C-alpha atoms as a PDB file:
ATOM      1  CA  UNK A   1       4.998  -4.673   8.369  1.00  0.00           C
ATOM      2  CA  UNK A   2       2.963  -5.706   5.342  1.00  0.00           C
ATOM      3  CA  UNK A   3      -0.255  -5.272   7.334  1.00  0.00           C
ATOM      4  CA  UNK A   4       0.807  -1.756   8.333  1.00  0.00           C
ATOM      5  CA  UNK A   5       1.311  -0.748   4.695  1.00  0.00           C
ATOM      6  CA  UNK A   6      -2.019  -2.284   3.692  1.00  0.00           C
ATOM      7  CA  UNK A   7      -3.705  -0.264   6.438  1.00  0.00           C
ATOM      8  CA  UNK A   8      -2.039   2.920   5.149  1.00  0.00           C
ATOM      9  CA  UNK A   9      -3.188   2.147   1.606  1.00  0.00           C
ATOM     10  CA  UNK A  10      -6.779   1.634   2.780  1.00  0.00           C
ATOM     11  CA  UNK A  11      -6.747   4.905   4.737  1.00  0.00           C
ATOM     12  CA  UNK A  12      -5.257   6.791   1.787  1.00  0.00           C
ATOM     13  CA  UNK A  13      -7.848   5.351  -0.590  1.00  0.00           C
ATOM     14  CA  UNK A  14     -10.720   6.362   1.690  1.00  0.00           C
ATOM     15  CA  UNK A  15      -9.280   9.859   1.965  1.00  0.00           C
ATOM     16  CA  UNK A  16      -8.834   9.946  -1.816  1.00  0.00           C
ATOM     17  CA  UNK A  17     -12.489   9.055  -2.330  1.00  0.00           C
ATOM     18  CA  UNK A  18     -13.604  11.819   0.004  1.00  0.00           C
ATOM     19  CA  UNK A  19     -11.384  14.432  -1.638  1.00  0.00           C
ATOM     20  CA  UNK A  20     -12.506  13.468  -5.129  1.00  0.00           C
ATOM     21  CA  UNK A  21     -16.148  13.668  -4.089  1.00  0.00           C
ATOM     22  CA  UNK A  22     -15.601  17.166  -2.670  1.00  0.00           C
ATOM     23  CA  UNK A  23     -14.065  18.517  -5.879  1.00  0.00           C
ATOM     24  CA  UNK A  24     -16.052  20.239  -8.583  1.00  0.00           C
ATOM     25  CA  UNK A  25     -15.953  18.719 -12.016  1.00  0.00           C
ATOM     26  CA  UNK A  26     -13.821  20.618 -14.547  1.00  0.00           C
ATOM     27  CA  UNK A  27     -15.562  19.227 -17.602  1.00  0.00           C
ATOM     28  CA  UNK A  28     -18.748  20.336 -19.271  1.00  0.00           C
ATOM     29  CA  UNK A  29     -22.162  19.235 -18.251  1.00  0.00           C
ATOM     30  CA  UNK A  30     -24.219  20.768 -15.483  1.00  0.00           C
ATOM     31  CA  UNK A  31     -21.275  22.335 -13.654  1.00  0.00           C
ATOM     32  CA  UNK A  32     -20.077  24.329 -16.689  1.00  0.00           C
ATOM     33  CA  UNK A  33     -22.631  27.105 -16.104  1.00  0.00           C
ATOM     34  CA  UNK A  34     -21.344  27.724 -12.573  1.00  0.00           C
ATOM     35  CA  UNK A  35     -17.602  27.730 -13.336  1.00  0.00           C
ATOM     36  CA  UNK A  36     -17.291  31.496 -13.657  1.00  0.00           C
ATOM     37  CA  UNK A  37     -19.090  32.161 -10.366  1.00  0.00           C
ATOM     38  CA  UNK A  38     -16.654  29.895  -8.504  1.00  0.00           C
ATOM     39  CA  UNK A  39     -13.699  32.031  -9.584  1.00  0.00           C
ATOM     40  CA  UNK A  40     -15.485  35.261  -8.744  1.00  0.00           C
ATOM     41  CA  UNK A  41     -16.261  34.114  -5.198  1.00  0.00           C
ATOM     42  CA  UNK A  42     -12.698  32.994  -4.486  1.00  0.00           C
ATOM     43  CA  UNK A  43     -13.164  29.241  -4.524  1.00  0.00           C
ATOM     44  CA  UNK A  44     -10.210  28.811  -6.904  1.00  0.00           C
ATOM     45  CA  UNK A  45      -7.696  28.460  -4.039  1.00  0.00           C
ATOM     46  CA  UNK A  46      -9.793  25.673  -2.532  1.00  0.00           C
ATOM     47  CA  UNK A  47      -9.753  23.900  -5.876  1.00  0.00           C
ATOM     48  CA  UNK A  48      -5.960  24.231  -6.063  1.00  0.00           C
ATOM     49  CA  UNK A  49      -5.581  22.749  -2.580  1.00  0.00           C
ATOM     50  CA  UNK A  50      -7.881  19.838  -3.365  1.00  0.00           C
ATOM     51  CA  UNK A  51      -6.048  19.128  -6.625  1.00  0.00           C
ATOM     52  CA  UNK A  52      -2.657  19.133  -4.885  1.00  0.00           C
ATOM     53  CA  UNK A  53      -4.046  16.913  -2.133  1.00  0.00           C
ATOM     54  CA  UNK A  54      -5.363  14.472  -4.750  1.00  0.00           C
ATOM     55  CA  UNK A  55      -1.983  14.220  -6.493  1.00  0.00           C
ATOM     56  CA  UNK A  56      -0.153  13.888  -3.164  1.00  0.00           C
ATOM     57  CA  UNK A  57      -2.401  11.085  -1.937  1.00  0.00           C
ATOM     58  CA  UNK A  58      -2.130   9.315  -5.292  1.00  0.00           C
ATOM     59  CA  UNK A  59       1.673   9.448  -5.046  1.00  0.00           C
ATOM     60  CA  UNK A  60       1.536   8.185  -1.456  1.00  0.00           C
ATOM     61  CA  UNK A  61      -0.634   5.261  -2.520  1.00  0.00           C
ATOM     62  CA  UNK A  62       1.933   4.310  -5.172  1.00  0.00           C
ATOM     63  CA  UNK A  63       4.787   4.545  -2.653  1.00  0.00           C
ATOM     64  CA  UNK A  64       2.867   2.523  -0.058  1.00  0.00           C
ATOM     65  CA  UNK A  65       2.100  -0.129  -2.683  1.00  0.00           C
ATOM     66  CA  UNK A  66       5.784  -0.475  -3.602  1.00  0.00           C
ATOM     67  CA  UNK A  67       6.812  -0.688   0.042  1.00  0.00           C
ATOM     68  CA  UNK A  68       4.105  -3.259   0.807  1.00  0.00           C
ATOM     69  CA  UNK A  69       5.279  -5.432  -2.087  1.00  0.00           C
ATOM     70  CA  UNK A  70       8.831  -5.216  -0.746  1.00  0.00           C
ATOM     71  CA  UNK A  71       7.682  -6.017   2.798  1.00  0.00           C
ATOM     72  CA  UNK A  72       5.679  -9.006   1.576  1.00  0.00           C
ATOM     73  CA  UNK A  73       8.614 -10.447  -0.363  1.00  0.00           C
ATOM     74  CA  UNK A  74      10.987  -9.994   2.582  1.00  0.00           C
ATOM     75  CA  UNK A  75       8.465 -11.648   4.944  1.00  0.00           C
ATOM     76  CA  UNK A  76       8.119 -14.609   2.581  1.00  0.00           C
ATOM     77  CA  UNK A  77      11.906 -14.938   2.286  1.00  0.00           C
ATOM     78  CA  UNK A  78      12.354 -14.920   6.049  1.00  0.00           C
ATOM     79  CA  UNK A  79       9.555 -17.477   6.414  1.00  0.00           C
ATOM     80  CA  UNK A  80      11.209 -19.701   3.799  1.00  0.00           C
ATOM     81  CA  UNK A  81      14.542 -19.452   5.642  1.00  0.00           C
ATOM     82  CA  UNK A  82      12.898 -20.481   8.901  1.00  0.00           C
ATOM     83  CA  UNK A  83      11.086 -23.378   7.224  1.00  0.00           C
ATOM     84  CA  UNK A  84      14.296 -24.503   5.490  1.00  0.00           C
ATOM     85  CA  UNK A  85      16.256 -24.432   8.723  1.00  0.00           C
ATOM     86  CA  UNK A  86      13.485 -26.372  10.468  1.00  0.00           C
ATOM     87  CA  UNK A  87      13.479 -29.072   7.795  1.00  0.00           C
ATOM     88  CA  UNK A  88      17.295 -29.257   7.947  1.00  0.00           C
ATOM     89  CA  UNK A  89      17.178 -29.830  11.692  1.00  0.00           C
ATOM     90  CA  UNK A  90      14.479 -32.496  11.490  1.00  0.00           C
ATOM     91  CA  UNK A  91      16.046 -34.276   8.530  1.00  0.00           C
ATOM     92  CA  UNK A  92      19.528 -34.244  10.117  1.00  0.00           C
ATOM     93  CA  UNK A  93      18.331 -35.754  13.369  1.00  0.00           C
ATOM     94  CA  UNK A  94      16.694 -38.618  11.486  1.00  0.00           C
ATOM     95  CA  UNK A  95      19.770 -39.197   9.319  1.00  0.00           C
ATOM     96  CA  UNK A  96      22.258 -39.681  12.147  1.00  0.00           C
ATOM     97  CA  UNK A  97      24.133 -42.883  11.365  1.00  0.00           C
ATOM     98  CA  UNK A  98      24.066 -45.616  13.929  1.00  0.00           C
ATOM     99  CA  UNK A  99      26.937 -48.042  14.165  1.00  0.00           C
ATOM    100  CA  UNK A 100      26.417 -51.628  15.216  1.00  0.00           C
ATOM    101  CA  UNK A 101      28.045 -52.497  18.461  1.00  0.00           C
ATOM    102  CA  UNK A 102      30.515 -55.388  18.153  1.00  0.00           C
ATOM    103  CA  UNK A 103      30.457 -57.927  20.909  1.00  0.00           C
END
């Protein structure tokens, strides 16, 4: 289960990188001269979609991280229970008392 959540986190991070690279910068710099033309041509709705997708994927990555931490701790607990039961069985078989036979 932990591996499944790690795979989902990796896929979400790759998708996040692609979406962030697609977006236009909102700060100054070279893109500031073209900001007004983007709104005139109707690209604003695309920007809204990309921003919502970025926030959604970021939230999914947080949720997947929490679930993977929970899955890892539950896997370790179950492994510790199995190891403890195995050591109990092996230690009990060696500790069986033997009684001397009287002749």
